[in-house]
């Protein structure tokens, strides 16, 4: 977006540091230098943008200086909240309620190799882990780029205040007795490419699991859909012989930054909004939010449960759903240039991962396809040695199709497209699978 729009970014000092670090890391240093970052924190005034006025107010969260936004519009004030934790009864605990958790874990697990994973932006949580590590004589190892970057920014701004002596580089940690270090490691949502994910599969280049390690998840798999990935990582560690500690089997490992049902009911009762739009949750959570408001006497016609692309129009003190906007996914090459990836490429990757590839090489002379010596190569589709009959039938089908197309005055691009389409149909009829078919003409 910043490549396309030269706009100012209003944010807190900490988030500004996070953004600049991410931009530099992803090869967008020019954007980090060009972008106009303007400080916005509670008490620093109001930002005016057209007919809108935005004021920041402080909220409690595990990320320091977190703020909510009050957006003053001609139709009234809009407040942003989410309904992610509406299914959790009661009220959110303070982050400080975890202060003894890590001290107790260090005391009860002396000399064990210890890994603690949490959300990379959870500065308060990591600070508590560091405090406990310092008390028990353990060095802190930051494992994973997101964790390293967040701590670097927080230390640079004085939000995390520990001396350099507390920290040890990942490469050096392996030379120390593992009971003398603690790893704060990225990957609490089970991300396959994360430091924790690679460690669980024995693929980490710097860290080797010792006998009887302990892996602590100081985060809940809250974002919808990540529970399967988290379970996969936990299972891998368990099979290795590690003790895996998480919130379902031990209390006081995590405090969510998202308001629970009691918090949401309190806000609704105090602010008394005219209309509600639950955001940040699944459809079932949106409905649970609507039902919760019903307990407060709010009628359903004042609550708008929106799917992707839905719009709500506010006019003359009224609100109504007003059509849908067409939305499409935008894929970003985060491992490379940071540029967008065409959806066709994503579709091809999906097809390759599920059905493999089937490549047909056809000899060509003076622009004419030669039906003899057609070569077929496949990967991830069938086991060739056990499927010679299918391979022979495929070559014969290609030969017949070439003969058929020779009678039609088509240019090579059109012939190629027709060949790929007909071969794919043939393979689907034979195997009920649809590998990615590539036809290539080789000049002889």
Protein backbone atom coordinates (compact mmCIF):
# COMPACT_ATOMS: atom_id res chain seq x y z
CA UNK A 1 0.00 0.00 0.00
CA UNK A 2 2.83 2.39 0.87
CA UNK A 3 4.31 1.75 -2.59
CA UNK A 4 1.09 3.04 -4.14
CA UNK A 5 0.05 5.76 -1.71
CA UNK A 6 2.31 8.41 -0.20
CA UNK A 7 0.32 8.86 3.01
CA UNK A 8 1.29 9.65 6.60
CA UNK A 9 1.18 6.88 9.21
CA UNK A 10 -0.12 7.89 12.64
CA UNK A 11 0.97 5.49 15.35
CA UNK A 12 2.58 5.08 18.76
CA UNK A 13 6.35 5.19 19.13
CA UNK A 14 6.63 1.42 19.71
CA UNK A 15 4.53 0.43 16.70
CA UNK A 16 6.44 2.93 14.58
CA UNK A 17 9.60 1.07 15.56
CA UNK A 18 7.98 -2.28 14.69
CA UNK A 19 6.91 -1.01 11.26
CA UNK A 20 10.28 0.44 10.36
CA UNK A 21 12.04 -2.77 11.41
CA UNK A 22 9.67 -4.92 9.31
CA UNK A 23 10.01 -2.66 6.27
CA UNK A 24 13.80 -2.75 6.46
CA UNK A 25 13.76 -6.52 6.92
CA UNK A 26 11.54 -7.13 3.88
CA UNK A 27 13.60 -5.02 1.51
CA UNK A 28 11.50 -1.86 1.73
CA UNK A 29 14.13 0.38 3.28
CA UNK A 30 13.19 3.20 0.91
CA UNK A 31 9.65 3.11 2.29
CA UNK A 32 10.88 3.11 5.88
CA UNK A 33 12.87 6.26 5.11
CA UNK A 34 10.23 7.96 2.95
CA UNK A 35 7.08 7.30 5.01
CA UNK A 36 5.93 10.16 7.20
CA UNK A 37 5.46 8.64 10.66
CA UNK A 38 3.55 10.91 13.02
CA UNK A 39 3.20 10.22 16.74
CA UNK A 40 -0.32 9.39 17.90
CA UNK A 41 -0.82 8.46 21.53
CA UNK A 42 -3.49 9.18 24.14
CA UNK A 43 -3.38 12.86 25.02
CA UNK A 44 -1.44 13.91 21.92
CA UNK A 45 -4.37 15.54 20.16
CA UNK A 46 -6.73 14.74 17.32
CA UNK A 47 -6.01 13.73 13.73
CA UNK A 48 -8.33 15.28 11.15
CA UNK A 49 -8.89 13.49 7.83
CA UNK A 50 -11.64 14.98 5.70
CA UNK A 51 -14.91 14.76 7.60
CA UNK A 52 -13.38 12.50 10.24
CA UNK A 53 -11.59 13.30 13.50
CA UNK A 54 -9.64 10.52 15.20
CA UNK A 55 -8.70 10.58 18.88
CA UNK A 56 -6.64 7.94 20.67
CA UNK A 57 -7.46 6.60 24.13
CA UNK A 58 -5.47 4.16 26.25
CA UNK A 59 -6.51 0.53 26.66
CA UNK A 60 -5.03 -2.32 28.70
CA UNK A 61 -3.04 -4.82 26.65
CA UNK A 62 0.13 -6.91 26.75
CA UNK A 63 1.66 -4.54 24.17
CA UNK A 64 2.73 -1.28 25.88
CA UNK A 65 1.05 1.98 24.80
CA UNK A 66 -1.83 0.17 23.10
CA UNK A 67 -4.66 2.49 22.20
CA UNK A 68 -8.21 2.43 20.97
CA UNK A 69 -9.54 4.89 18.42
CA UNK A 70 -12.58 7.13 18.71
CA UNK A 71 -13.56 8.23 15.21
CA UNK A 72 -15.80 11.30 15.17
CA UNK A 73 -17.98 11.33 12.04
CA UNK A 74 -20.94 13.42 10.85
CA UNK A 75 -23.13 10.42 11.82
CA UNK A 76 -21.70 10.01 15.32
CA UNK A 77 -18.68 8.52 17.07
CA UNK A 78 -17.36 5.12 16.04
CA UNK A 79 -15.44 2.97 18.54
CA UNK A 80 -13.44 -0.09 17.46
CA UNK A 81 -13.70 -3.35 19.48
CA UNK A 82 -13.64 -7.00 18.54
CA UNK A 83 -15.77 -9.99 19.50
CA UNK A 84 -13.04 -12.65 19.39
CA UNK A 85 -13.34 -13.64 23.07
CA UNK A 86 -17.10 -13.27 23.45
CA UNK A 87 -17.38 -17.01 24.21
CA UNK A 88 -15.08 -16.64 27.24
CA UNK A 89 -17.02 -15.88 30.42
CA UNK A 90 -15.89 -13.36 33.02
CA UNK A 91 -13.41 -10.51 32.79
CA UNK A 92 -9.87 -10.28 31.42
CA UNK A 93 -7.12 -10.64 34.00
CA UNK A 94 -4.26 -8.19 34.30
CA UNK A 95 -0.95 -9.14 32.66
CA UNK A 96 0.61 -8.77 36.11
CA UNK A 97 -1.37 -11.80 37.27
CA UNK A 98 1.25 -13.93 35.52
CA UNK A 99 4.17 -12.45 37.46
CA UNK A 100 4.74 -15.60 39.58
CA UNK A 101 4.07 -18.09 36.78
CA UNK A 102 7.50 -18.01 35.18
CA UNK A 103 9.33 -17.82 38.50
CA UNK A 104 7.52 -21.02 39.57
CA UNK A 105 8.35 -22.72 36.26
CA UNK A 106 12.05 -21.91 36.60
CA UNK A 107 12.10 -23.10 40.23
CA UNK A 108 10.38 -26.41 39.46
CA UNK A 109 12.46 -27.19 36.36
CA UNK A 110 16.12 -26.58 37.24
CA UNK A 111 18.73 -27.68 34.72
CA UNK A 112 16.12 -28.61 32.10
CA UNK A 113 16.29 -27.26 28.56
CA UNK A 114 13.40 -24.75 28.43
CA UNK A 115 11.54 -23.16 25.55
CA UNK A 116 8.80 -20.54 26.03
CA UNK A 117 6.77 -19.41 23.04
CA UNK A 118 4.52 -16.38 22.95
CA UNK A 119 3.21 -13.76 20.52
CA UNK A 120 6.12 -11.74 19.13
CA UNK A 121 4.46 -8.41 19.98
CA UNK A 122 3.78 -9.46 23.58
CA UNK A 123 6.44 -7.23 25.09
CA UNK A 124 5.07 -7.42 28.65
CA UNK A 125 5.10 -11.24 28.61
CA UNK A 126 8.66 -11.41 27.36
CA UNK A 127 9.74 -8.87 29.96
CA UNK A 128 8.28 -11.09 32.70
CA UNK A 129 10.16 -14.11 31.34
CA UNK A 130 13.40 -12.10 31.32
CA UNK A 131 12.83 -10.96 34.90
CA UNK A 132 12.35 -14.57 36.03
CA UNK A 133 15.39 -15.71 34.03
CA UNK A 134 17.58 -13.04 35.64
CA UNK A 135 16.39 -14.08 39.09
CA UNK A 136 17.27 -17.73 38.43
CA UNK A 137 20.59 -17.15 36.69
CA UNK A 138 19.51 -18.13 33.18
CA UNK A 139 20.64 -16.33 30.03
CA UNK A 140 17.92 -15.40 27.51
CA UNK A 141 18.10 -16.65 23.92
CA UNK A 142 15.83 -14.91 21.40
CA UNK A 143 14.93 -17.40 18.69
CA UNK A 144 13.04 -16.33 15.58
CA UNK A 145 13.20 -13.15 13.54
CA UNK A 146 9.91 -11.69 14.78
CA UNK A 147 10.89 -12.16 18.43
CA UNK A 148 14.37 -10.70 17.82
CA UNK A 149 12.96 -7.67 16.01
CA UNK A 150 10.31 -6.91 18.63
CA UNK A 151 12.78 -7.10 21.51
CA UNK A 152 15.33 -5.01 19.57
CA UNK A 153 12.78 -2.23 19.05
CA UNK A 154 11.44 -2.42 22.62
CA UNK A 155 14.97 -2.27 24.11
CA UNK A 156 15.91 0.61 21.81
CA UNK A 157 12.94 2.60 23.11
CA UNK A 158 13.62 1.67 26.73
CA UNK A 159 10.41 -0.34 27.06
CA UNK A 160 12.43 -3.46 27.95
CA UNK A 161 15.24 -2.55 30.37
CA UNK A 162 17.80 -5.33 30.71
CA UNK A 163 21.57 -5.26 30.31
CA UNK A 164 23.24 -6.90 27.31
CA UNK A 165 24.76 -9.49 29.67
CA UNK A 166 21.35 -11.14 30.06
CA UNK A 167 21.20 -12.13 26.40
CA UNK A 168 23.17 -14.71 24.45
CA UNK A 169 23.13 -15.32 20.71
CA UNK A 170 21.40 -18.43 19.37
CA UNK A 171 24.67 -19.71 17.85
CA UNK A 172 26.49 -19.45 21.18
CA UNK A 173 23.68 -20.93 23.31
CA UNK A 174 24.43 -24.49 22.19
CA UNK A 175 27.88 -24.33 23.82
CA UNK A 176 26.38 -23.52 27.23
CA UNK A 177 24.75 -25.94 29.69
CA UNK A 178 21.11 -25.85 28.61
CA UNK A 179 19.94 -25.45 32.19
CA UNK A 180 21.68 -22.06 32.16
CA UNK A 181 19.60 -20.61 29.31
CA UNK A 182 15.94 -20.12 28.38
CA UNK A 183 14.75 -19.79 24.81
CA UNK A 184 12.01 -17.26 24.01
CA UNK A 185 11.01 -18.74 20.70
CA UNK A 186 8.68 -17.64 17.90
CA UNK A 187 5.90 -19.90 16.60
CA UNK A 188 3.12 -19.99 19.22
CA UNK A 189 0.49 -20.36 16.47
CA UNK A 190 2.18 -23.42 14.99
CA UNK A 191 3.57 -21.65 11.92
CA UNK A 192 5.49 -24.32 9.94
CA UNK A 193 8.39 -22.02 9.02
CA UNK A 194 8.78 -20.54 12.49
CA UNK A 195 11.71 -21.28 14.78
CA UNK A 196 9.48 -23.45 17.01
CA UNK A 197 8.01 -25.28 14.01
CA UNK A 198 11.44 -26.13 12.63
CA UNK A 199 12.65 -27.22 16.06
CA UNK A 200 9.67 -29.57 16.47
CA UNK A 201 10.64 -31.32 13.21
CA UNK A 202 14.35 -31.51 14.08
CA UNK A 203 15.17 -29.06 11.27
CA UNK A 204 16.59 -26.17 13.30
CA UNK A 205 20.15 -25.29 12.26
CA UNK A 206 21.30 -23.89 15.61
CA UNK A 207 19.26 -25.59 18.34
CA UNK A 208 19.38 -29.28 19.22
CA UNK A 209 16.77 -30.77 21.55
CA UNK A 210 18.26 -32.42 24.62
CA UNK A 211 16.68 -35.23 26.59
CA UNK A 212 13.53 -34.30 28.54
CA UNK A 213 13.08 -30.64 27.45
CA UNK A 214 10.09 -28.56 28.49
CA UNK A 215 8.13 -26.50 25.94
CA UNK A 216 5.77 -23.86 27.35
CA UNK A 217 3.02 -22.21 25.29
CA UNK A 218 2.33 -18.80 26.85
CA UNK A 219 -0.39 -18.06 24.30
CA UNK A 220 -3.74 -19.54 23.33
CA UNK A 221 -4.52 -20.69 19.75
CA UNK A 222 -7.15 -17.96 19.60
CA UNK A 223 -7.21 -16.83 15.95
CA UNK A 224 -9.72 -19.14 14.25
CA UNK A 225 -8.06 -22.01 12.39
CA UNK A 226 -4.64 -22.15 14.06
CA UNK A 227 -5.54 -24.87 16.58
CA UNK A 228 -4.73 -27.68 14.11
CA UNK A 229 -1.23 -26.31 13.42
CA UNK A 230 -0.57 -25.80 17.14
CA UNK A 231 -1.67 -29.37 17.90
CA UNK A 232 0.69 -30.66 15.20
CA UNK A 233 3.67 -28.89 16.79
CA UNK A 234 2.70 -30.02 20.30
CA UNK A 235 2.37 -33.62 19.12
CA UNK A 236 5.82 -33.55 17.51
CA UNK A 237 7.44 -32.34 20.74
CA UNK A 238 5.50 -34.89 22.79
CA UNK A 239 6.63 -37.75 20.53
CA UNK A 240 10.22 -36.60 20.96
CA UNK A 241 9.83 -36.90 24.72
CA UNK A 242 9.35 -33.27 25.68
CA UNK A 243 6.96 -32.07 28.36
CA UNK A 244 4.53 -29.67 26.70
CA UNK A 245 2.82 -27.18 29.02
CA UNK A 246 -0.16 -25.14 27.80
CA UNK A 247 -3.17 -23.34 29.22
CA UNK A 248 -5.58 -26.31 29.13
CA UNK A 249 -3.46 -28.23 31.60
CA UNK A 250 -2.02 -25.34 33.63
CA UNK A 251 -3.52 -22.02 34.66
CA UNK A 252 -1.89 -18.59 34.47
CA UNK A 253 0.12 -19.13 31.30
CA UNK A 254 -1.65 -16.53 29.19
CA UNK A 255 -3.79 -13.43 29.48
CA UNK A 256 -5.57 -12.52 26.28
CA UNK A 257 -5.41 -9.00 24.91
CA UNK A 258 -8.98 -9.41 23.61
CA UNK A 259 -11.91 -8.48 25.83
CA UNK A 260 -13.94 -11.36 27.26
CA UNK A 261 -17.73 -11.45 27.61
CA UNK A 262 -17.75 -9.45 30.85
CA UNK A 263 -15.54 -6.75 29.32
CA UNK A 264 -17.68 -6.56 26.19
CA UNK A 265 -20.90 -6.30 28.21
CA UNK A 266 -19.36 -3.55 30.35
CA UNK A 267 -18.33 -1.48 27.32
CA UNK A 268 -21.77 -1.91 25.71
CA UNK A 269 -23.48 -0.89 28.96
CA UNK A 270 -21.28 2.16 29.60
CA UNK A 271 -21.01 3.51 26.04
CA UNK A 272 -24.58 2.61 25.03
CA UNK A 273 -23.99 2.55 21.24
CA UNK A 274 -26.89 2.99 18.88
CA UNK A 275 -25.58 0.33 16.46
CA UNK A 276 -23.14 -2.56 16.72
CA UNK A 277 -20.88 -4.29 14.15
CA UNK A 278 -19.00 -7.24 15.70
CA UNK A 279 -15.57 -7.63 14.10
CA UNK A 280 -12.51 -9.87 14.41
CA UNK A 281 -14.31 -13.15 14.98
CA UNK A 282 -15.95 -16.06 13.18
CA UNK A 283 -19.61 -16.09 12.18
CA UNK A 284 -20.51 -18.10 15.28
CA UNK A 285 -18.74 -15.56 17.50
CA UNK A 286 -20.53 -12.70 15.80
CA UNK A 287 -23.84 -14.43 16.52
CA UNK A 288 -22.76 -15.03 20.13
CA UNK A 289 -22.05 -11.28 20.37
CA UNK A 290 -25.51 -10.51 19.00
CA UNK A 291 -27.07 -12.88 21.57
CA UNK A 292 -25.00 -11.29 24.34
CA UNK A 293 -26.36 -7.87 23.40
CA UNK A 294 -29.85 -9.39 23.52
CA UNK A 295 -29.25 -10.05 27.23
CA UNK A 296 -28.77 -6.28 27.57
CA UNK A 297 -32.02 -5.53 25.74
CA UNK A 298 -30.45 -4.63 22.38
CA UNK A 299 -32.70 -5.66 19.48
CA UNK A 300 -31.17 -7.67 16.61
CA UNK A 301 -31.96 -4.97 14.04
CA UNK A 302 -29.31 -2.79 15.74
CA UNK A 303 -26.56 -5.39 15.20
CA UNK A 304 -24.98 -5.95 11.78
CA UNK A 305 -23.15 -9.25 11.32
CA UNK A 306 -21.02 -8.65 8.22
CA UNK A 307 -19.28 -11.09 5.91
CA UNK A 308 -16.31 -10.17 3.74
CA UNK A 309 -17.34 -7.40 1.33
CA UNK A 310 -20.52 -6.41 3.17
CA UNK A 311 -21.06 -2.68 3.69
CA UNK A 312 -23.11 -0.79 6.25
CA UNK A 313 -24.36 2.69 5.35
CA UNK A 314 -25.01 5.32 8.03
CA UNK A 315 -27.25 8.22 7.04
CA UNK A 316 -29.57 10.61 8.88
CA UNK A 317 -29.17 8.73 12.15
CA UNK A 318 -30.05 5.38 10.61
CA UNK A 319 -28.02 2.35 9.54
CA UNK A 320 -28.64 -0.33 6.94
CA UNK A 321 -26.74 -2.96 5.01
CA UNK A 322 -25.92 -1.49 1.62
CA UNK A 323 -24.69 -3.94 -0.98
CA UNK A 324 -21.40 -5.77 -1.24
CA UNK A 325 -17.94 -4.90 -2.51
CA UNK A 326 -16.06 -7.41 -4.63
CA UNK A 327 -12.93 -8.53 -2.78
CA UNK A 328 -10.06 -10.71 -3.96
CA UNK A 329 -7.09 -12.13 -2.05
CA UNK A 330 -3.75 -10.37 -2.53
CA UNK A 331 -0.77 -12.71 -2.12
CA UNK A 332 2.61 -11.31 -1.06
CA UNK A 333 5.97 -12.96 -1.63
CA UNK A 334 7.20 -12.50 1.95
CA UNK A 335 10.25 -14.72 1.45
CA UNK A 336 11.53 -12.86 -1.60
CA UNK A 337 10.99 -9.46 -3.14
CA UNK A 338 7.86 -8.58 -1.20
CA UNK A 339 5.97 -8.11 -4.46
CA UNK A 340 2.45 -9.38 -5.10
CA UNK A 341 1.95 -12.86 -6.53
CA UNK A 342 -0.55 -13.41 -9.33
CA UNK A 343 -3.48 -15.65 -8.24
CA UNK A 344 -2.71 -17.90 -11.24
CA UNK A 345 0.66 -18.71 -9.66
CA UNK A 346 -1.06 -19.60 -6.39
CA UNK A 347 -3.50 -21.83 -8.26
CA UNK A 348 -0.60 -23.62 -9.99
CA UNK A 349 1.17 -24.14 -6.66
CA UNK A 350 -1.99 -25.58 -5.16
CA UNK A 351 -2.40 -27.94 -8.11
CA UNK A 352 1.25 -29.03 -7.90
CA UNK A 353 0.93 -29.74 -4.18
CA UNK A 354 -2.20 -31.85 -4.58
CA UNK A 355 -1.82 -33.65 -7.95
CA UNK A 356 1.76 -33.12 -9.12
CA UNK A 357 2.99 -32.26 -12.62
CA UNK A 358 2.83 -34.03 -16.00
CA UNK A 359 5.29 -32.73 -18.62
CA UNK A 360 5.07 -33.66 -22.31
CA UNK A 361 8.06 -32.88 -24.56
CA UNK A 362 7.27 -33.02 -28.31
CA UNK A 363 10.01 -32.89 -30.99
CA UNK A 364 9.51 -30.08 -33.52
CA UNK A 365 11.14 -29.46 -36.90
CA UNK A 366 10.57 -26.41 -39.08
CA UNK A 367 7.56 -25.49 -36.95
CA UNK A 368 5.90 -28.88 -37.34
CA UNK A 369 5.26 -31.19 -34.39
CA UNK A 370 6.71 -34.70 -34.78
CA UNK A 371 4.58 -37.43 -33.31
CA UNK A 372 7.49 -39.84 -32.91
CA UNK A 373 9.73 -39.85 -29.82
CA UNK A 374 7.28 -37.99 -27.59
CA UNK A 375 8.74 -37.86 -24.07
CA UNK A 376 6.63 -37.82 -20.90
CA UNK A 377 7.99 -36.87 -17.46
CA UNK A 378 5.93 -36.73 -14.28
CA UNK A 379 6.55 -35.92 -10.62
CA UNK A 380 4.16 -36.14 -7.67
CA UNK A 381 1.39 -37.61 -9.85
CA UNK A 382 1.99 -41.36 -10.16
CA UNK A 383 4.78 -43.80 -9.40
CA UNK A 384 6.10 -44.33 -12.93
CA UNK A 385 7.58 -47.81 -12.44
CA UNK A 386 4.23 -49.12 -11.25
CA UNK A 387 2.23 -47.28 -13.92
CA UNK A 388 3.85 -48.21 -17.24
CA UNK A 389 0.48 -49.02 -18.78
CA UNK A 390 -0.80 -45.51 -18.06
CA UNK A 391 2.41 -43.97 -19.36
CA UNK A 392 2.11 -45.93 -22.64
CA UNK A 393 -1.55 -44.96 -23.03
CA UNK A 394 -0.62 -41.33 -22.36
CA UNK A 395 2.03 -41.32 -25.11
CA UNK A 396 -0.41 -42.88 -27.59
CA UNK A 397 -3.05 -40.31 -26.65
CA UNK A 398 -0.58 -37.46 -27.18
CA UNK A 399 0.42 -38.90 -30.57
CA UNK A 400 -3.22 -39.14 -31.71
CA UNK A 401 -3.94 -35.62 -30.50
CA UNK A 402 -0.92 -34.28 -32.42
CA UNK A 403 -2.21 -36.00 -35.57
CA UNK A 404 -5.63 -34.45 -35.04
CA UNK A 405 -4.24 -30.96 -34.54
CA UNK A 406 -1.97 -31.27 -37.61
CA UNK A 407 -5.10 -31.00 -39.76
CA UNK A 408 -6.01 -27.62 -38.23
CA UNK A 409 -4.31 -24.29 -39.12
CA UNK A 410 -3.41 -23.31 -35.54
CA UNK A 411 -0.43 -21.33 -34.29
CA UNK A 412 1.78 -22.98 -31.64
CA UNK A 413 0.30 -21.11 -28.61
CA UNK A 414 -3.20 -22.29 -29.56
CA UNK A 415 -1.98 -25.85 -30.21
CA UNK A 416 -0.14 -25.90 -26.88
CA UNK A 417 -3.23 -24.75 -24.98
CA UNK A 418 -5.42 -27.32 -26.77
CA UNK A 419 -2.93 -30.13 -26.10
CA UNK A 420 -2.67 -29.29 -22.41
CA UNK A 421 -6.43 -29.14 -22.04
CA UNK A 422 -7.09 -32.46 -23.78
CA UNK A 423 -4.25 -34.25 -21.97
CA UNK A 424 -5.58 -33.02 -18.64
CA UNK A 425 -9.07 -34.29 -19.50
CA UNK A 426 -7.59 -37.66 -20.51
CA UNK A 427 -5.60 -38.00 -17.27
CA UNK A 428 -8.62 -37.08 -15.16
CA UNK A 429 -10.75 -39.76 -16.85
CA UNK A 430 -7.99 -42.33 -16.27
CA UNK A 431 -7.01 -41.44 -12.70
CA UNK A 432 -9.58 -38.95 -11.29
CA UNK A 433 -6.60 -36.64 -10.62
CA UNK A 434 -5.70 -33.36 -12.31
CA UNK A 435 -1.94 -32.80 -12.39
CA UNK A 436 -0.54 -29.57 -13.80
CA UNK A 437 0.06 -30.38 -17.49
CA UNK A 438 2.90 -28.65 -19.32
CA UNK A 439 3.51 -29.22 -23.06
CA UNK A 440 6.86 -28.17 -24.47
CA UNK A 441 8.03 -28.24 -28.13
CA UNK A 442 11.72 -29.06 -28.54
CA UNK A 443 13.39 -28.04 -31.82
CA UNK A 444 15.45 -30.83 -33.42
